[in-house]
Protein backbone atom coordinates (compact mmCIF):
# COMPACT_ATOMS: atom_id res chain seq x y z
CA MET A 1 51.92 -51.47 -101.47
CA THR A 2 54.42 -49.46 -103.51
CA PRO A 3 58.12 -49.47 -102.54
CA ALA A 4 57.90 -45.75 -101.71
CA LYS A 5 55.04 -46.30 -99.27
CA SER A 6 56.77 -49.31 -97.76
CA ALA A 7 59.96 -47.33 -97.18
CA SER A 8 57.96 -44.50 -95.64
CA ILE A 9 56.31 -46.83 -93.13
CA ALA A 10 59.63 -48.49 -92.34
CA SER A 11 61.11 -45.11 -91.40
CA ILE A 12 58.49 -44.43 -88.71
CA ASP A 13 59.95 -44.76 -85.21
CA PRO A 14 58.11 -47.16 -82.88
CA ILE A 15 56.05 -45.68 -80.04
CA GLU A 16 58.11 -45.49 -76.91
CA ARG A 17 56.54 -47.49 -74.10
CA ARG A 18 57.44 -46.16 -70.68
CA PRO A 19 58.09 -48.69 -67.89
CA LEU A 20 55.26 -48.63 -65.35
CA HIS A 21 57.61 -47.98 -62.44
CA GLU A 22 58.86 -44.78 -64.11
CA ALA A 23 55.32 -43.44 -64.44
CA ALA A 24 54.67 -44.47 -60.83
CA ILE A 25 57.79 -42.61 -59.68
CA ASP A 26 56.62 -39.38 -61.31
CA ARG A 27 53.17 -39.63 -59.72
CA LEU A 28 54.46 -40.58 -56.26
CA ARG A 29 57.08 -37.84 -56.39
CA GLU A 30 54.33 -35.34 -57.20
CA LEU A 31 52.19 -36.56 -54.29
CA ILE A 32 55.16 -36.21 -51.93
CA PHE A 33 56.13 -32.78 -53.24
CA GLN A 34 52.57 -31.49 -52.91
CA GLY A 35 52.30 -32.79 -49.35
CA GLU A 36 49.52 -35.29 -50.00
CA LEU A 37 51.92 -38.00 -48.83
CA THR A 38 53.40 -36.46 -45.69
CA PRO A 39 56.78 -37.15 -44.04
CA GLY A 40 56.63 -40.27 -41.89
CA SER A 41 53.39 -41.56 -43.43
CA ARG A 42 53.22 -45.22 -44.42
CA LEU A 43 52.99 -46.01 -48.13
CA ASN A 44 50.12 -48.48 -48.35
CA GLU A 45 50.95 -50.73 -51.30
CA ARG A 46 47.40 -51.98 -51.85
CA LEU A 47 45.80 -48.53 -51.87
CA LEU A 48 48.52 -46.91 -53.95
CA ALA A 49 48.50 -49.75 -56.50
CA GLN A 50 44.73 -49.31 -56.87
CA ARG A 51 45.01 -45.54 -57.15
CA LEU A 52 47.76 -45.69 -59.77
CA GLY A 53 46.20 -48.59 -61.65
CA ILE A 54 49.30 -50.79 -61.49
CA SER A 55 50.39 -53.99 -59.77
CA ARG A 56 52.57 -54.03 -56.66
CA THR A 57 55.69 -55.15 -58.57
CA PRO A 58 56.33 -51.85 -60.43
CA LEU A 59 55.18 -49.98 -57.34
CA ARG A 60 57.86 -51.65 -55.20
CA GLU A 61 60.44 -50.87 -57.87
CA ALA A 62 59.34 -47.24 -57.71
CA PHE A 63 59.78 -47.27 -53.92
CA LYS A 64 63.39 -48.47 -54.32
CA LEU A 65 64.28 -45.71 -56.75
CA LEU A 66 62.56 -43.05 -54.67
CA ALA A 67 64.53 -44.32 -51.67
CA ALA A 68 67.72 -43.63 -53.65
CA GLU A 69 66.50 -40.04 -54.06
CA GLY A 70 65.92 -39.74 -50.33
CA LEU A 71 62.16 -39.36 -50.72
CA VAL A 72 61.21 -42.76 -49.35
CA GLU A 73 62.57 -44.88 -46.50
CA LEU A 74 62.42 -48.66 -46.85
CA LEU A 75 61.71 -50.50 -43.59
CA PRO A 76 62.83 -54.16 -43.38
CA ASN A 77 59.73 -56.39 -43.49
CA ARG A 78 57.50 -53.35 -42.83
CA GLY A 79 57.14 -51.74 -46.24
CA ALA A 80 58.01 -48.11 -46.86
CA ILE A 81 57.30 -44.64 -45.50
CA VAL A 82 57.77 -41.11 -46.79
CA ALA A 83 61.19 -39.99 -45.57
CA GLN A 84 61.38 -37.38 -42.86
CA LEU A 85 62.97 -34.03 -43.67
CA ASP A 86 66.36 -33.44 -42.07
CA ALA A 87 66.84 -29.67 -41.80
CA VAL A 88 70.59 -29.93 -41.15
CA ARG A 89 71.22 -32.20 -44.14
CA ILE A 90 68.98 -30.08 -46.35
CA GLY A 91 70.80 -26.90 -45.35
CA GLU A 92 74.19 -28.48 -46.03
CA THR A 93 73.06 -29.84 -49.41
CA LEU A 94 71.63 -26.51 -50.52
CA GLN A 95 74.81 -24.76 -49.41
CA VAL A 96 76.87 -26.99 -51.71
CA MET A 97 74.34 -26.55 -54.51
CA GLY A 98 74.63 -22.77 -54.16
CA ALA A 99 78.34 -23.04 -54.90
CA LEU A 100 77.66 -25.35 -57.85
CA GLU A 101 75.02 -23.02 -59.29
CA ALA A 102 77.42 -20.07 -59.04
CA LEU A 103 79.99 -22.04 -61.07
CA ILE A 104 77.30 -23.16 -63.52
CA GLY A 105 76.30 -19.54 -64.12
CA GLU A 106 79.87 -18.43 -64.72
CA LEU A 107 80.61 -21.28 -67.14
CA ALA A 108 77.25 -21.13 -68.95
CA CYS A 109 77.84 -17.51 -69.93
CA ARG A 110 81.10 -18.57 -71.59
CA GLN A 111 80.14 -21.98 -72.97
CA ALA A 112 76.42 -21.94 -73.78
CA SER A 113 75.45 -21.88 -77.43
CA ASP A 114 72.94 -19.34 -78.67
CA ALA A 115 70.52 -22.24 -79.21
CA SER A 116 70.89 -23.32 -75.56
CA ILE A 117 70.16 -19.80 -74.37
CA ASP A 118 67.10 -19.66 -76.62
CA GLU A 119 65.94 -22.94 -75.08
CA VAL A 120 66.32 -21.53 -71.56
CA ARG A 121 64.43 -18.41 -72.67
CA ALA A 122 61.55 -20.53 -74.03
CA LEU A 123 61.40 -22.53 -70.80
CA HIS A 124 61.37 -19.25 -68.85
CA PHE A 125 58.33 -18.01 -70.78
CA GLU A 126 56.56 -21.33 -70.16
CA MET A 127 57.43 -21.07 -66.47
CA ARG A 128 56.10 -17.51 -66.30
CA ALA A 129 52.86 -18.57 -67.99
CA ALA A 130 52.41 -21.32 -65.38
CA HIS A 131 53.03 -18.77 -62.62
CA ALA A 132 50.38 -16.48 -64.11
CA ARG A 133 47.92 -19.41 -64.01
CA ARG A 134 49.08 -20.20 -60.44
CA ASP A 135 49.83 -23.72 -61.67
CA LEU A 136 52.60 -24.65 -59.25
CA ALA A 137 53.15 -28.18 -60.59
CA ALA A 138 53.73 -26.94 -64.16
CA TYR A 139 55.78 -24.01 -62.89
CA PHE A 140 58.05 -26.34 -60.94
CA ARG A 141 58.59 -28.65 -63.92
CA HIS A 142 59.71 -25.74 -66.10
CA ASN A 143 61.77 -24.26 -63.26
CA GLN A 144 63.67 -27.51 -62.80
CA SER A 145 64.19 -27.81 -66.54
CA ILE A 146 65.76 -24.35 -66.58
CA HIS A 147 68.23 -25.15 -63.82
CA LEU A 148 69.15 -28.50 -65.35
CA ARG A 149 69.52 -26.96 -68.82
CA LEU A 150 71.85 -24.32 -67.39
CA ALA A 151 73.93 -27.07 -65.79
CA GLU A 152 74.22 -28.85 -69.14
CA ALA A 153 75.02 -25.58 -70.95
CA ALA A 154 78.00 -25.01 -68.64
CA GLY A 155 79.87 -27.58 -70.71
CA ASN A 156 81.24 -29.61 -67.81
CA ALA A 157 79.80 -33.13 -67.64
CA ILE A 158 81.03 -33.83 -64.09
CA LEU A 159 79.54 -30.59 -62.84
CA ALA A 160 76.20 -31.33 -64.51
CA GLN A 161 76.10 -34.89 -63.14
CA THR A 162 76.96 -33.78 -59.61
CA TYR A 163 74.34 -31.07 -59.75
CA ARG A 164 71.65 -33.49 -60.97
CA GLN A 165 72.44 -35.96 -58.19
CA LEU A 166 72.27 -33.35 -55.43
CA ASN A 167 69.19 -31.73 -56.92
CA ALA A 168 67.33 -35.05 -56.83
CA ASN A 169 67.77 -35.07 -53.05
CA VAL A 170 66.27 -31.62 -52.48
CA ARG A 171 63.57 -31.33 -55.12
CA ARG A 172 60.92 -31.82 -52.46
CA VAL A 173 62.08 -28.84 -50.43
CA ARG A 174 62.66 -26.71 -53.52
CA TYR A 175 59.01 -27.31 -54.36
CA MET A 176 58.03 -26.44 -50.78
CA ALA A 177 59.74 -23.06 -51.03
CA ASN A 178 57.16 -21.94 -53.59
CA LEU A 179 54.21 -22.79 -51.33
CA SER A 180 54.65 -19.26 -49.97
CA ALA A 181 52.98 -16.93 -52.49
CA GLU A 182 55.35 -14.12 -51.55
CA ARG A 183 58.44 -16.29 -52.06
CA TRP A 184 57.03 -17.70 -55.31
CA ASP A 185 56.52 -14.22 -56.75
CA ALA A 186 60.01 -13.19 -55.65
CA ALA A 187 61.51 -16.31 -57.27
CA VAL A 188 59.93 -15.38 -60.61
CA ARG A 189 61.44 -11.89 -60.44
CA GLU A 190 64.81 -13.46 -59.66
CA HIS A 191 64.47 -15.70 -62.70
CA ASP A 192 63.77 -12.65 -64.87
CA ALA A 193 67.13 -11.24 -63.75
CA ILE A 194 68.82 -14.63 -64.27
CA LEU A 195 67.60 -14.81 -67.87
CA ASP A 196 68.69 -11.23 -68.51
CA ALA A 197 72.23 -11.93 -67.22
CA LEU A 198 72.45 -15.13 -69.28
CA SER A 199 71.27 -13.33 -72.42
CA MET A 200 73.94 -10.67 -71.86
CA ARG A 201 76.51 -13.40 -71.08
CA ASP A 202 77.38 -11.54 -67.91
CA GLY A 203 79.08 -14.36 -66.01
CA GLU A 204 79.84 -12.47 -62.81
CA ARG A 205 76.28 -11.20 -62.50
CA LEU A 206 74.72 -14.59 -63.28
CA LYS A 207 77.07 -16.26 -60.81
CA SER A 208 75.91 -13.88 -58.09
CA LEU A 209 72.22 -14.09 -59.03
CA LEU A 210 72.10 -17.89 -59.00
CA SER A 211 73.90 -18.04 -55.65
CA GLU A 212 71.54 -15.47 -54.12
CA HIS A 213 68.50 -17.19 -55.65
CA LEU A 214 69.32 -20.46 -53.93
CA ALA A 215 70.25 -18.69 -50.69
CA HIS A 216 66.79 -17.09 -50.59
CA LYS A 217 65.19 -20.46 -51.30
CA THR A 218 67.27 -22.10 -48.57
CA ALA A 219 66.21 -19.49 -46.01
CA SER A 220 62.55 -19.96 -46.99
CA VAL A 221 62.76 -23.75 -46.75
CA LEU A 222 64.54 -23.83 -43.42
CA ALA A 223 62.11 -21.30 -41.94
CA ALA A 224 59.21 -23.50 -43.07
CA LEU A 225 60.84 -26.59 -41.56
CA GLU A 226 61.39 -25.06 -38.10
CA PRO A 227 57.79 -25.57 -36.87
CA ALA A 228 57.73 -29.14 -38.16
CA GLN A 229 61.05 -29.96 -36.53
CA ALA A 230 59.90 -28.44 -33.25
CA ALA A 231 56.67 -30.46 -33.33
CA ALA A 232 58.60 -33.66 -33.98
């Protein structure tokens, strides 16, 4: 082997191997978001391990991390269940997030680089394409990426970290809001306006749009939770 070829091979980055529990978290989170694993239902380790093709050790690690997100409740000596939805806590969390998103919008219009705005625009087009296909899972992934990218573009690390932490606790209900076709379509139109305001660097307008966007989502989520809370 020539020195040139040897150097070329040496420069290749190794394939990143993802821990099994991280892959399990993504799949379990998806099952919870989509309602296949319902609030209060027991998480059967044997069946889930078989379904995911992993052992119980990474599965239990996934349960612990999902419990930190508020998606799973660990029961002493009795395994784990899907956490119940607390309408009051959800409403309070979304109220705080509305204020954070308003600040994110204001700061992003001042601080975001042109490259960051282009990235948000590309994610928006991907999100719209998923909406056109009625692919809610893909739509939600791109939607979350947009909101998190905006938080990073605001240029305030504490704000972005706080937003990420709170968002992890309400991702399930944010997904639920789009189960209504009417609300989903309205959310896409709102995102069109959000992108337009960001592109124009209109901080006041983006601040208002992001706050209203989450307020509409909050109203949709809480309305959907009322029957379930009444039944419980």
